[in-house]
Amino acid sequence: MDGEANHGRSQVSEFNNRIDAQRKILGIVNSHAWAEELFGLSSGALKRWSDTNGVSSSSPLRTALDEVADKLFFLANKSQEQVTEEYKLLEAEVNGMTAAIRGLLDSLGANEFKSPKS
């Protein structure tokens, strides 16, 4: 029974880690001035945010956001299984990508990622 209880706690912890990672990324992005905040990391939310704010889909920022969203989605699907080395590696990659997103925004400024006006 203790093994089942520990597995349940582990799944809750993994879920909280993913939610915390998403909140952290949203906080980093939204700490900069945008016409509209980023409300989530789904493909629809990212497209809406990019379109509204004139952020090119091929910009380093958008690419990083797409990649971290994909990794978080993968982690969400892996949470139904026991924690594996692959899960731990992806979790570390998400943490590194979060820092990279912060670095992109802090060093270049949000305006660097906006598409040129036609």
PDB file of N, CA and C in Angstrom:
ATOM      1  N   MET A   1       0.819  -1.194   0.000  1.00  0.00           N
ATOM      2  CA  MET A   1       0.000   0.000   0.000  1.00  0.00           C
ATOM      3  C   MET A   1       0.864   1.259   0.000  1.00  0.00           C
ATOM      4  N   ASP A   2       1.979   1.214   0.752  1.00  0.00           N
ATOM      5  CA  ASP A   2       2.850   2.386   0.801  1.00  0.00           C
ATOM      6  C   ASP A   2       3.403   2.727  -0.578  1.00  0.00           C
ATOM      7  N   GLY A   3       3.698   1.714  -1.378  1.00  0.00           N
ATOM      8  CA  GLY A   3       4.202   1.953  -2.726  1.00  0.00           C
ATOM      9  C   GLY A   3       3.187   2.682  -3.579  1.00  0.00           C
ATOM     10  N   GLU A   4       1.922   2.294  -3.450  1.00  0.00           N
ATOM     11  CA  GLU A   4       0.862   2.971  -4.204  1.00  0.00           C
ATOM     12  C   GLU A   4       0.696   4.406  -3.738  1.00  0.00           C
ATOM     13  N   ALA A   5       0.773   4.628  -2.441  1.00  0.00           N
ATOM     14  CA  ALA A   5       0.639   5.990  -1.901  1.00  0.00           C
ATOM     15  C   ALA A   5       1.792   6.862  -2.370  1.00  0.00           C
ATOM     16  N   ASN A   6       3.002   6.311  -2.349  1.00  0.00           N
ATOM     17  CA  ASN A   6       4.162   7.078  -2.814  1.00  0.00           C
ATOM     18  C   ASN A   6       4.059   7.385  -4.303  1.00  0.00           C
ATOM     19  N   HIS A   7       3.553   6.430  -5.089  1.00  0.00           N
ATOM     20  CA  HIS A   7       3.387   6.662  -6.525  1.00  0.00           C
ATOM     21  C   HIS A   7       2.373   7.783  -6.758  1.00  0.00           C
ATOM     22  N   GLY A   8       1.289   7.787  -5.980  1.00  0.00           N
ATOM     23  CA  GLY A   8       0.285   8.847  -6.095  1.00  0.00           C
ATOM     24  C   GLY A   8       0.857  10.206  -5.749  1.00  0.00           C
ATOM     25  N   ARG A   9       1.658  10.266  -4.683  1.00  0.00           N
ATOM     26  CA  ARG A   9       2.304  11.532  -4.300  1.00  0.00           C
ATOM     27  C   ARG A   9       3.277  11.982  -5.379  1.00  0.00           C
ATOM     28  N   SER A  10       3.970  11.001  -5.981  1.00  0.00           N
ATOM     29  CA  SER A  10       4.924  11.325  -7.039  1.00  0.00           C
ATOM     30  C   SER A  10       4.209  11.936  -8.235  1.00  0.00           C
ATOM     31  N   GLN A  11       3.043  11.386  -8.611  1.00  0.00           N
ATOM     32  CA  GLN A  11       2.292  11.933  -9.738  1.00  0.00           C
ATOM     33  C   GLN A  11       1.814  13.342  -9.434  1.00  0.00           C
ATOM     34  N   VAL A  12       1.367  13.592  -8.215  1.00  0.00           N
ATOM     35  CA  VAL A  12       0.922  14.939  -7.832  1.00  0.00           C
ATOM     36  C   VAL A  12       2.103  15.898  -7.895  1.00  0.00           C
ATOM     37  N   SER A  13       3.246  15.461  -7.399  1.00  0.00           N
ATOM     38  CA  SER A  13       4.443  16.294  -7.421  1.00  0.00           C
ATOM     39  C   SER A  13       4.859  16.614  -8.856  1.00  0.00           C
ATOM     40  N   GLU A  14       4.819  15.603  -9.734  1.00  0.00           N
ATOM     41  CA  GLU A  14       5.170  15.819 -11.139  1.00  0.00           C
ATOM     42  C   GLU A  14       4.200  16.808 -11.785  1.00  0.00           C
ATOM     43  N   PHE A  15       2.912  16.650 -11.485  1.00  0.00           N
ATOM     44  CA  PHE A  15       1.904  17.564 -12.025  1.00  0.00           C
ATOM     45  C   PHE A  15       2.192  18.986 -11.553  1.00  0.00           C
ATOM     46  N   ASN A  16       2.448  19.133 -10.253  1.00  0.00           N
ATOM     47  CA  ASN A  16       2.739  20.461  -9.713  1.00  0.00           C
ATOM     48  C   ASN A  16       3.998  21.047 -10.334  1.00  0.00           C
ATOM     49  N   ASN A  17       4.999  20.220 -10.584  1.00  0.00           N
ATOM     50  CA  ASN A  17       6.221  20.703 -11.227  1.00  0.00           C
ATOM     51  C   ASN A  17       5.938  21.231 -12.625  1.00  0.00           C
ATOM     52  N   ARG A  18       5.103  20.524 -13.379  1.00  0.00           N
ATOM     53  CA  ARG A  18       4.761  20.978 -14.737  1.00  0.00           C
ATOM     54  C   ARG A  18       3.966  22.271 -14.691  1.00  0.00           C
ATOM     55  N   ILE A  19       3.011  22.352 -13.777  1.00  0.00           N
ATOM     56  CA  ILE A  19       2.202  23.569 -13.640  1.00  0.00           C
ATOM     57  C   ILE A  19       3.092  24.729 -13.216  1.00  0.00           C
ATOM     58  N   ASP A  20       3.978  24.483 -12.266  1.00  0.00           N
ATOM     59  CA  ASP A  20       4.905  25.533 -11.823  1.00  0.00           C
ATOM     60  C   ASP A  20       5.806  25.983 -12.968  1.00  0.00           C
ATOM     61  N   ALA A  21       6.279  25.043 -13.784  1.00  0.00           N
ATOM     62  CA  ALA A  21       7.137  25.394 -14.920  1.00  0.00           C
ATOM     63  C   ALA A  21       6.364  26.260 -15.909  1.00  0.00           C
ATOM     64  N   GLN A  22       5.114  25.893 -16.186  1.00  0.00           N
ATOM     65  CA  GLN A  22       4.309  26.684 -17.115  1.00  0.00           C
ATOM     66  C   GLN A  22       4.057  28.077 -16.551  1.00  0.00           C
ATOM     67  N   ARG A  23       3.705  28.163 -15.286  1.00  0.00           N
ATOM     68  CA  ARG A  23       3.476  29.477 -14.660  1.00  0.00           C
ATOM     69  C   ARG A  23       4.726  30.342 -14.713  1.00  0.00           C
ATOM     70  N   LYS A  24       5.872  29.723 -14.466  1.00  0.00           N
ATOM     71  CA  LYS A  24       7.131  30.464 -14.486  1.00  0.00           C
ATOM     72  C   LYS A  24       7.397  31.029 -15.884  1.00  0.00           C
ATOM     73  N   ILE A  25       7.200  30.205 -16.904  1.00  0.00           N
ATOM     74  CA  ILE A  25       7.420  30.652 -18.286  1.00  0.00           C
ATOM     75  C   ILE A  25       6.456  31.786 -18.630  1.00  0.00           C
ATOM     76  N   LEU A  26       5.182  31.619 -18.287  1.00  0.00           N
ATOM     77  CA  LEU A  26       4.197  32.671 -18.560  1.00  0.00           C
ATOM     78  C   LEU A  26       4.577  33.956 -17.833  1.00  0.00           C
ATOM     79  N   GLY A  27       5.023  33.836 -16.598  1.00  0.00           N
ATOM     80  CA  GLY A  27       5.435  35.013 -15.832  1.00  0.00           C
ATOM     81  C   GLY A  27       6.613  35.735 -16.468  1.00  0.00           C
ATOM     82  N   ILE A  28       7.569  34.957 -16.959  1.00  0.00           N
ATOM     83  CA  ILE A  28       8.740  35.547 -17.613  1.00  0.00           C
ATOM     84  C   ILE A  28       8.317  36.310 -18.868  1.00  0.00           C
ATOM     85  N   VAL A  29       7.530  35.656 -19.710  1.00  0.00           N
ATOM     86  CA  VAL A  29       7.092  36.293 -20.959  1.00  0.00           C
ATOM     87  C   VAL A  29       6.244  37.518 -20.650  1.00  0.00           C
ATOM     88  N   ASN A  30       5.310  37.390 -19.717  1.00  0.00           N
ATOM     89  CA  ASN A  30       4.376  38.474 -19.421  1.00  0.00           C
ATOM     90  C   ASN A  30       4.980  39.588 -18.573  1.00  0.00           C
ATOM     91  N   SER A  31       6.225  39.413 -18.129  1.00  0.00           N
ATOM     92  CA  SER A  31       6.882  40.489 -17.392  1.00  0.00           C
ATOM     93  C   SER A  31       7.353  41.596 -18.338  1.00  0.00           C
ATOM     94  N   HIS A  32       7.251  41.345 -19.632  1.00  0.00           N
ATOM     95  CA  HIS A  32       7.596  42.335 -20.648  1.00  0.00           C
ATOM     96  C   HIS A  32       6.311  42.926 -21.224  1.00  0.00           C
ATOM     97  N   ALA A  33       6.417  44.111 -21.779  1.00  0.00           N
ATOM     98  CA  ALA A  33       5.236  44.816 -22.301  1.00  0.00           C
ATOM     99  C   ALA A  33       4.809  44.216 -23.632  1.00  0.00           C
ATOM    100  N   TRP A  34       3.605  43.672 -23.661  1.00  0.00           N
ATOM    101  CA  TRP A  34       3.012  43.116 -24.871  1.00  0.00           C
ATOM    102  C   TRP A  34       1.618  43.697 -25.026  1.00  0.00           C
ATOM    103  N   ALA A  35       1.114  43.725 -26.243  1.00  0.00           N
ATOM    104  CA  ALA A  35      -0.261  44.174 -26.476  1.00  0.00           C
ATOM    105  C   ALA A  35      -1.237  43.226 -25.779  1.00  0.00           C
ATOM    106  N   GLU A  36      -0.902  41.938 -25.756  1.00  0.00           N
ATOM    107  CA  GLU A  36      -1.723  40.941 -25.071  1.00  0.00           C
ATOM    108  C   GLU A  36      -0.796  39.949 -24.389  1.00  0.00           C
ATOM    109  N   GLU A  37      -1.141  39.566 -23.166  1.00  0.00           N
ATOM    110  CA  GLU A  37      -0.346  38.594 -22.440  1.00  0.00           C
ATOM    111  C   GLU A  37      -0.473  37.210 -23.063  1.00  0.00           C
ATOM    112  N   LEU A  38       0.496  36.370 -22.777  1.00  0.00           N
ATOM    113  CA  LEU A  38       0.441  34.962 -23.150  1.00  0.00           C
ATOM    114  C   LEU A  38      -0.344  34.245 -22.062  1.00  0.00           C
ATOM    115  N   PHE A  39      -1.435  33.573 -22.455  1.00  0.00           N
ATOM    116  CA  PHE A  39      -2.342  32.967 -21.482  1.00  0.00           C
ATOM    117  C   PHE A  39      -2.106  31.482 -21.272  1.00  0.00           C
ATOM    118  N   GLY A  40      -1.309  30.856 -22.110  1.00  0.00           N
ATOM    119  CA  GLY A  40      -1.043  29.432 -21.978  1.00  0.00           C
ATOM    120  C   GLY A  40      -0.008  29.001 -22.993  1.00  0.00           C
ATOM    121  N   LEU A  41       0.354  27.724 -22.944  1.00  0.00           N
ATOM    122  CA  LEU A  41       1.371  27.219 -23.857  1.00  0.00           C
ATOM    123  C   LEU A  41       0.804  26.240 -24.879  1.00  0.00           C
ATOM    124  N   SER A  42      -0.508  26.234 -25.043  1.00  0.00           N
ATOM    125  CA  SER A  42      -1.096  25.418 -26.102  1.00  0.00           C
ATOM    126  C   SER A  42      -0.737  26.046 -27.446  1.00  0.00           C
ATOM    127  N   SER A  43      -0.826  25.271 -28.514  1.00  0.00           N
ATOM    128  CA  SER A  43      -0.485  25.817 -29.833  1.00  0.00           C
ATOM    129  C   SER A  43      -1.416  26.979 -30.186  1.00  0.00           C
ATOM    130  N   GLY A  44      -2.690  26.870 -29.819  1.00  0.00           N
ATOM    131  CA  GLY A  44      -3.632  27.954 -30.088  1.00  0.00           C
ATOM    132  C   GLY A  44      -3.294  29.224 -29.330  1.00  0.00           C
ATOM    133  N   ALA A  45      -2.943  29.075 -28.057  1.00  0.00           N
ATOM    134  CA  ALA A  45      -2.579  30.242 -27.247  1.00  0.00           C
ATOM    135  C   ALA A  45      -1.310  30.897 -27.778  1.00  0.00           C
ATOM    136  N   LEU A  46      -0.330  30.085 -28.173  1.00  0.00           N
ATOM    137  CA  LEU A  46       0.912  30.636 -28.713  1.00  0.00           C
ATOM    138  C   LEU A  46       0.681  31.353 -30.038  1.00  0.00           C
ATOM    139  N   LYS A  47      -0.162  30.775 -30.896  1.00  0.00           N
ATOM    140  CA  LYS A  47      -0.454  31.418 -32.187  1.00  0.00           C
ATOM    141  C   LYS A  47      -1.168  32.742 -31.963  1.00  0.00           C
ATOM    142  N   ARG A  48      -2.180  32.751 -31.111  1.00  0.00           N
ATOM    143  CA  ARG A  48      -2.923  33.984 -30.841  1.00  0.00           C
ATOM    144  C   ARG A  48      -1.990  35.057 -30.300  1.00  0.00           C
ATOM    145  N   TRP A  49      -1.162  34.701 -29.326  1.00  0.00           N
ATOM    146  CA  TRP A  49      -0.233  35.645 -28.712  1.00  0.00           C
ATOM    147  C   TRP A  49       0.741  36.182 -29.759  1.00  0.00           C
ATOM    148  N   SER A  50       1.304  35.288 -30.572  1.00  0.00           N
ATOM    149  CA  SER A  50       2.249  35.721 -31.609  1.00  0.00           C
ATOM    150  C   SER A  50       1.584  36.659 -32.603  1.00  0.00           C
ATOM    151  N   ASP A  51       0.402  36.276 -33.078  1.00  0.00           N
ATOM    152  CA  ASP A  51      -0.303  37.101 -34.065  1.00  0.00           C
ATOM    153  C   ASP A  51      -0.660  38.468 -33.484  1.00  0.00           C
ATOM    154  N   THR A  52      -1.178  38.488 -32.273  1.00  0.00           N
ATOM    155  CA  THR A  52      -1.599  39.740 -31.634  1.00  0.00           C
ATOM    156  C   THR A  52      -0.422  40.667 -31.380  1.00  0.00           C
ATOM    157  N   ASN A  53       0.708  40.077 -31.011  1.00  0.00           N
ATOM    158  CA  ASN A  53       1.874  40.883 -30.645  1.00  0.00           C
ATOM    159  C   ASN A  53       2.881  41.053 -31.773  1.00  0.00           C
ATOM    160  N   GLY A  54       2.577  40.512 -32.942  1.00  0.00           N
ATOM    161  CA  GLY A  54       3.491  40.664 -34.069  1.00  0.00           C
ATOM    162  C   GLY A  54       4.807  39.933 -33.884  1.00  0.00           C
ATOM    163  N   VAL A  55       4.783  38.820 -33.151  1.00  0.00           N
ATOM    164  CA  VAL A  55       5.996  38.034 -32.941  1.00  0.00           C
ATOM    165  C   VAL A  55       6.071  36.987 -34.040  1.00  0.00           C
ATOM    166  N   SER A  56       7.129  37.007 -34.788  1.00  0.00           N
ATOM    167  CA  SER A  56       7.308  36.073 -35.890  1.00  0.00           C
ATOM    168  C   SER A  56       7.325  34.637 -35.373  1.00  0.00           C
ATOM    169  N   SER A  57       6.651  33.754 -36.101  1.00  0.00           N
ATOM    170  CA  SER A  57       6.627  32.339 -35.704  1.00  0.00           C
ATOM    171  C   SER A  57       7.999  31.689 -35.848  1.00  0.00           C
ATOM    172  N   SER A  58       8.901  32.339 -36.579  1.00  0.00           N
ATOM    173  CA  SER A  58      10.253  31.794 -36.743  1.00  0.00           C
ATOM    174  C   SER A  58      11.280  32.490 -35.845  1.00  0.00           C
ATOM    175  N   SER A  59      10.813  33.386 -34.969  1.00  0.00           N
ATOM    176  CA  SER A  59      11.744  34.089 -34.080  1.00  0.00           C
ATOM    177  C   SER A  59      12.310  33.116 -33.047  1.00  0.00           C
ATOM    178  N   PRO A  60      13.490  33.411 -32.516  1.00  0.00           N
ATOM    179  CA  PRO A  60      14.064  32.543 -31.481  1.00  0.00           C
ATOM    180  C   PRO A  60      13.135  32.397 -30.266  1.00  0.00           C
ATOM    181  N   LEU A  61      12.435  33.451 -29.907  1.00  0.00           N
ATOM    182  CA  LEU A  61      11.531  33.382 -28.758  1.00  0.00           C
ATOM    183  C   LEU A  61      10.380  32.428 -29.029  1.00  0.00           C
ATOM    184  N   ARG A  62       9.721  32.587 -30.152  1.00  0.00           N
ATOM    185  CA  ARG A  62       8.581  31.723 -30.470  1.00  0.00           C
ATOM    186  C   ARG A  62       9.037  30.276 -30.617  1.00  0.00           C
ATOM    187  N   THR A  63      10.184  30.071 -31.245  1.00  0.00           N
ATOM    188  CA  THR A  63      10.721  28.720 -31.397  1.00  0.00           C
ATOM    189  C   THR A  63      10.975  28.087 -30.029  1.00  0.00           C
ATOM    190  N   ALA A  64      11.567  28.857 -29.119  1.00  0.00           N
ATOM    191  CA  ALA A  64      11.834  28.348 -27.766  1.00  0.00           C
ATOM    192  C   ALA A  64      10.535  28.040 -27.032  1.00  0.00           C
ATOM    193  N   LEU A  65       9.534  28.914 -27.182  1.00  0.00           N
ATOM    194  CA  LEU A  65       8.244  28.669 -26.538  1.00  0.00           C
ATOM    195  C   LEU A  65       7.569  27.423 -27.100  1.00  0.00           C
ATOM    196  N   ASP A  66       7.631  27.231 -28.405  1.00  0.00           N
ATOM    197  CA  ASP A  66       7.064  26.029 -29.018  1.00  0.00           C
ATOM    198  C   ASP A  66       7.760  24.770 -28.501  1.00  0.00           C
ATOM    199  N   GLU A  67       9.074  24.829 -28.404  1.00  0.00           N
ATOM    200  CA  GLU A  67       9.843  23.668 -27.953  1.00  0.00           C
ATOM    201  C   GLU A  67       9.538  23.327 -26.501  1.00  0.00           C
ATOM    202  N   VAL A  68       9.492  24.338 -25.649  1.00  0.00           N
ATOM    203  CA  VAL A  68       9.225  24.059 -24.237  1.00  0.00           C
ATOM    204  C   VAL A  68       7.785  23.584 -24.048  1.00  0.00           C
ATOM    205  N   ALA A  69       6.858  24.099 -24.839  1.00  0.00           N
ATOM    206  CA  ALA A  69       5.469  23.636 -24.772  1.00  0.00           C
ATOM    207  C   ALA A  69       5.383  22.164 -25.165  1.00  0.00           C
ATOM    208  N   ASP A  70       6.109  21.775 -26.216  1.00  0.00           N
ATOM    209  CA  ASP A  70       6.122  20.376 -26.641  1.00  0.00           C
ATOM    210  C   ASP A  70       6.681  19.471 -25.546  1.00  0.00           C
ATOM    211  N   LYS A  71       7.744  19.911 -24.902  1.00  0.00           N
ATOM    212  CA  LYS A  71       8.352  19.102 -23.837  1.00  0.00           C
ATOM    213  C   LYS A  71       7.413  18.982 -22.638  1.00  0.00           C
ATOM    214  N   LEU A  72       6.735  20.060 -22.275  1.00  0.00           N
ATOM    215  CA  LEU A  72       5.787  19.992 -21.167  1.00  0.00           C
ATOM    216  C   LEU A  72       4.610  19.079 -21.502  1.00  0.00           C
ATOM    217  N   PHE A  73       4.157  19.101 -22.751  1.00  0.00           N
ATOM    218  CA  PHE A  73       3.084  18.206 -23.187  1.00  0.00           C
ATOM    219  C   PHE A  73       3.546  16.752 -23.080  1.00  0.00           C
ATOM    220  N   PHE A  74       4.771  16.492 -23.518  1.00  0.00           N
ATOM    221  CA  PHE A  74       5.317  15.146 -23.428  1.00  0.00           C
ATOM    222  C   PHE A  74       5.400  14.702 -21.971  1.00  0.00           C
ATOM    223  N   LEU A  75       5.868  15.593 -21.098  1.00  0.00           N
ATOM    224  CA  LEU A  75       5.951  15.257 -19.679  1.00  0.00           C
ATOM    225  C   LEU A  75       4.572  14.965 -19.097  1.00  0.00           C
ATOM    226  N   ALA A  76       3.570  15.673 -19.547  1.00  0.00           N
ATOM    227  CA  ALA A  76       2.209  15.435 -19.061  1.00  0.00           C
ATOM    228  C   ALA A  76       1.761  14.025 -19.427  1.00  0.00           C
ATOM    229  N   ASN A  77       2.102  13.583 -20.604  1.00  0.00           N
ATOM    230  CA  ASN A  77       1.727  12.237 -21.025  1.00  0.00           C
ATOM    231  C   ASN A  77       2.551  11.171 -20.311  1.00  0.00           C
ATOM    232  N   LYS A  78       3.785  11.487 -19.978  1.00  0.00           N
ATOM    233  CA  LYS A  78       4.649  10.535 -19.291  1.00  0.00           C
ATOM    234  C   LYS A  78       4.275  10.394 -17.825  1.00  0.00           C
ATOM    235  N   SER A  79       3.504  11.335 -17.281  1.00  0.00           N
ATOM    236  CA  SER A  79       3.215  11.303 -15.846  1.00  0.00           C
ATOM    237  C   SER A  79       2.372  10.103 -15.459  1.00  0.00           C
ATOM    238  N   GLN A  80       1.758   9.450 -16.426  1.00  0.00           N
ATOM    239  CA  GLN A  80       0.964   8.271 -16.123  1.00  0.00           C
ATOM    240  C   GLN A  80       1.851   7.049 -15.875  1.00  0.00           C
ATOM    241  N   GLU A  81       3.100   7.160 -16.221  1.00  0.00           N
ATOM    242  CA  GLU A  81       4.039   6.058 -16.047  1.00  0.00           C
ATOM    243  C   GLU A  81       4.968   6.376 -14.888  1.00  0.00           C
ATOM    244  N   GLN A  82       5.755   5.404 -14.498  1.00  0.00           N
ATOM    245  CA  GLN A  82       6.732   5.660 -13.457  1.00  0.00           C
ATOM    246  C   GLN A  82       7.784   6.626 -13.994  1.00  0.00           C
ATOM    247  N   VAL A  83       8.354   7.409 -13.091  1.00  0.00           N
ATOM    248  CA  VAL A  83       9.385   8.373 -13.489  1.00  0.00           C
ATOM    249  C   VAL A  83      10.572   7.617 -14.060  1.00  0.00           C
ATOM    250  N   THR A  84      10.981   8.030 -15.230  1.00  0.00           N
ATOM    251  CA  THR A  84      12.109   7.395 -15.906  1.00  0.00           C
ATOM    252  C   THR A  84      13.249   8.393 -16.018  1.00  0.00           C
ATOM    253  N   GLU A  85      14.371   7.892 -16.432  1.00  0.00           N
ATOM    254  CA  GLU A  85      15.513   8.778 -16.685  1.00  0.00           C
ATOM    255  C   GLU A  85      15.164   9.785 -17.776  1.00  0.00           C
ATOM    256  N   GLU A  86      14.401   9.334 -18.774  1.00  0.00           N
ATOM    257  CA  GLU A  86      13.996  10.234 -19.861  1.00  0.00           C
ATOM    258  C   GLU A  86      13.159  11.385 -19.305  1.00  0.00           C
ATOM    259  N   TYR A  87      12.257  11.085 -18.383  1.00  0.00           N
ATOM    260  CA  TYR A  87      11.417  12.112 -17.766  1.00  0.00           C
ATOM    261  C   TYR A  87      12.294  13.123 -17.035  1.00  0.00           C
ATOM    262  N   LYS A  88      13.245  12.624 -16.265  1.00  0.00           N
ATOM    263  CA  LYS A  88      14.138  13.510 -15.504  1.00  0.00           C
ATOM    264  C   LYS A  88      14.968  14.380 -16.446  1.00  0.00           C
ATOM    265  N   LEU A  89      15.419  13.797 -17.560  1.00  0.00           N
ATOM    266  CA  LEU A  89      16.191  14.552 -18.540  1.00  0.00           C
ATOM    267  C   LEU A  89      15.344  15.660 -19.155  1.00  0.00           C
ATOM    268  N   LEU A  90      14.104  15.326 -19.534  1.00  0.00           N
ATOM    269  CA  LEU A  90      13.223  16.336 -20.125  1.00  0.00           C
ATOM    270  C   LEU A  90      12.895  17.434 -19.124  1.00  0.00           C
ATOM    271  N   GLU A  91      12.714  17.065 -17.870  1.00  0.00           N
ATOM    272  CA  GLU A  91      12.448  18.063 -16.833  1.00  0.00           C
ATOM    273  C   GLU A  91      13.624  19.036 -16.721  1.00  0.00           C
ATOM    274  N   ALA A  92      14.839  18.511 -16.788  1.00  0.00           N
ATOM    275  CA  ALA A  92      16.032  19.368 -16.750  1.00  0.00           C
ATOM    276  C   ALA A  92      16.099  20.251 -17.994  1.00  0.00           C
ATOM    277  N   GLU A  93      15.716  19.706 -19.157  1.00  0.00           N
ATOM    278  CA  GLU A  93      15.707  20.502 -20.388  1.00  0.00           C
ATOM    279  C   GLU A  93      14.703  21.645 -20.283  1.00  0.00           C
ATOM    280  N   VAL A  94      13.534  21.379 -19.716  1.00  0.00           N
ATOM    281  CA  VAL A  94      12.522  22.431 -19.536  1.00  0.00           C
ATOM    282  C   VAL A  94      13.082  23.538 -18.656  1.00  0.00           C
ATOM    283  N   ASN A  95      13.763  23.172 -17.580  1.00  0.00           N
ATOM    284  CA  ASN A  95      14.361  24.179 -16.707  1.00  0.00           C
ATOM    285  C   ASN A  95      15.399  25.008 -17.455  1.00  0.00           C
ATOM    286  N   GLY A  96      16.224  24.355 -18.259  1.00  0.00           N
ATOM    287  CA  GLY A  96      17.222  25.073 -19.044  1.00  0.00           C
ATOM    288  C   GLY A  96      16.589  25.981 -20.087  1.00  0.00           C
ATOM    289  N   MET A  97      15.522  25.501 -20.726  1.00  0.00           N
ATOM    290  CA  MET A  97      14.845  26.303 -21.746  1.00  0.00           C
ATOM    291  C   MET A  97      14.139  27.502 -21.113  1.00  0.00           C
ATOM    292  N   THR A  98      13.636  27.324 -19.908  1.00  0.00           N
ATOM    293  CA  THR A  98      13.006  28.445 -19.197  1.00  0.00           C
ATOM    294  C   THR A  98      14.035  29.551 -18.967  1.00  0.00           C
ATOM    295  N   ALA A  99      15.209  29.160 -18.548  1.00  0.00           N
ATOM    296  CA  ALA A  99      16.285  30.145 -18.354  1.00  0.00           C
ATOM    297  C   ALA A  99      16.678  30.788 -19.679  1.00  0.00           C
ATOM    298  N   ALA A 100      16.679  30.007 -20.755  1.00  0.00           N
ATOM    299  CA  ALA A 100      17.024  30.552 -22.076  1.00  0.00           C
ATOM    300  C   ALA A 100      15.986  31.566 -22.544  1.00  0.00           C
ATOM    301  N   ILE A 101      14.715  31.289 -22.297  1.00  0.00           N
ATOM    302  CA  ILE A 101      13.650  32.226 -22.665  1.00  0.00           C
ATOM    303  C   ILE A 101      13.819  33.526 -21.898  1.00  0.00           C
ATOM    304  N   ARG A 102      14.107  33.420 -20.608  1.00  0.00           N
ATOM    305  CA  ARG A 102      14.358  34.631 -19.804  1.00  0.00           C
ATOM    306  C   ARG A 102      15.542  35.404 -20.380  1.00  0.00           C
ATOM    307  N   GLY A 103      16.593  34.687 -20.733  1.00  0.00           N
ATOM    308  CA  GLY A 103      17.778  35.337 -21.289  1.00  0.00           C
ATOM    309  C   GLY A 103      17.489  36.023 -22.613  1.00  0.00           C
ATOM    310  N   LEU A 104      16.722  35.379 -23.474  1.00  0.00           N
ATOM    311  CA  LEU A 104      16.355  35.992 -24.761  1.00  0.00           C
ATOM    312  C   LEU A 104      15.610  37.303 -24.540  1.00  0.00           C
ATOM    313  N   LEU A 105      14.637  37.267 -23.666  1.00  0.00           N
ATOM    314  CA  LEU A 105      13.835  38.470 -23.432  1.00  0.00           C
ATOM    315  C   LEU A 105      14.637  39.565 -22.738  1.00  0.00           C
ATOM    316  N   ASP A 106      15.457  39.183 -21.779  1.00  0.00           N
ATOM    317  CA  ASP A 106      16.218  40.182 -21.029  1.00  0.00           C
ATOM    318  C   ASP A 106      17.328  40.813 -21.857  1.00  0.00           C
ATOM    319  N   SER A 107      18.002  40.022 -22.698  1.00  0.00           N
ATOM    320  CA  SER A 107      19.142  40.565 -23.428  1.00  0.00           C
ATOM    321  C   SER A 107      18.746  41.349 -24.671  1.00  0.00           C
ATOM    322  N   LEU A 108      17.699  40.921 -25.343  1.00  0.00           N
ATOM    323  CA  LEU A 108      17.341  41.570 -26.591  1.00  0.00           C
ATOM    324  C   LEU A 108      16.146  42.498 -26.462  1.00  0.00           C
ATOM    325  N   GLY A 109      15.319  42.273 -25.494  1.00  0.00           N
ATOM    326  CA  GLY A 109      14.098  43.068 -25.374  1.00  0.00           C
ATOM    327  C   GLY A 109      13.012  42.508 -26.261  1.00  0.00           C
ATOM    328  N   ALA A 110      11.794  42.668 -25.859  1.00  0.00           N
ATOM    329  CA  ALA A 110      10.652  42.096 -26.553  1.00  0.00           C
ATOM    330  C   ALA A 110      10.532  42.593 -27.988  1.00  0.00           C
ATOM    331  N   ASN A 111      10.906  43.826 -28.265  1.00  0.00           N
ATOM    332  CA  ASN A 111      10.736  44.391 -29.606  1.00  0.00           C
ATOM    333  C   ASN A 111      11.580  43.667 -30.647  1.00  0.00           C
ATOM    334  N   GLU A 112      12.650  43.010 -30.243  1.00  0.00           N
ATOM    335  CA  GLU A 112      13.499  42.279 -31.180  1.00  0.00           C
ATOM    336  C   GLU A 112      12.742  41.130 -31.862  1.00  0.00           C
ATOM    337  N   PHE A 113      11.688  40.647 -31.244  1.00  0.00           N
ATOM    338  CA  PHE A 113      11.004  39.462 -31.746  1.00  0.00           C
ATOM    339  C   PHE A 113       9.771  39.791 -32.570  1.00  0.00           C
ATOM    340  N   LYS A 114       9.441  41.049 -32.655  1.00  0.00           N
ATOM    341  CA  LYS A 114       8.255  41.433 -33.399  1.00  0.00           C
ATOM    342  C   LYS A 114       8.546  41.439 -34.882  1.00  0.00           C
ATOM    343  N   SER A 115       7.549  41.016 -35.642  1.00  0.00           N
ATOM    344  CA  SER A 115       7.675  40.996 -37.099  1.00  0.00           C
ATOM    345  C   SER A 115       7.711  42.427 -37.617  1.00  0.00           C
ATOM    346  N   PRO A 116       8.501  42.679 -38.660  1.00  0.00           N
ATOM    347  CA  PRO A 116       8.485  44.030 -39.251  1.00  0.00           C
ATOM    348  C   PRO A 116       7.109  44.309 -39.847  1.00  0.00           C
ATOM    349  N   LYS A 117       6.682  45.522 -39.733  1.00  0.00           N
ATOM    350  CA  LYS A 117       5.375  45.914 -40.294  1.00  0.00           C
ATOM    351  C   LYS A 117       5.473  45.964 -41.806  1.00  0.00           C
ATOM    352  N   SER A 118       4.428  45.470 -42.463  1.00  0.00           N
ATOM    353  CA  SER A 118       4.423  45.450 -43.932  1.00  0.00           C
ATOM    354  C   SER A 118       4.164  46.814 -44.494  1.00  0.00           C
TER     355      SER A 118
END
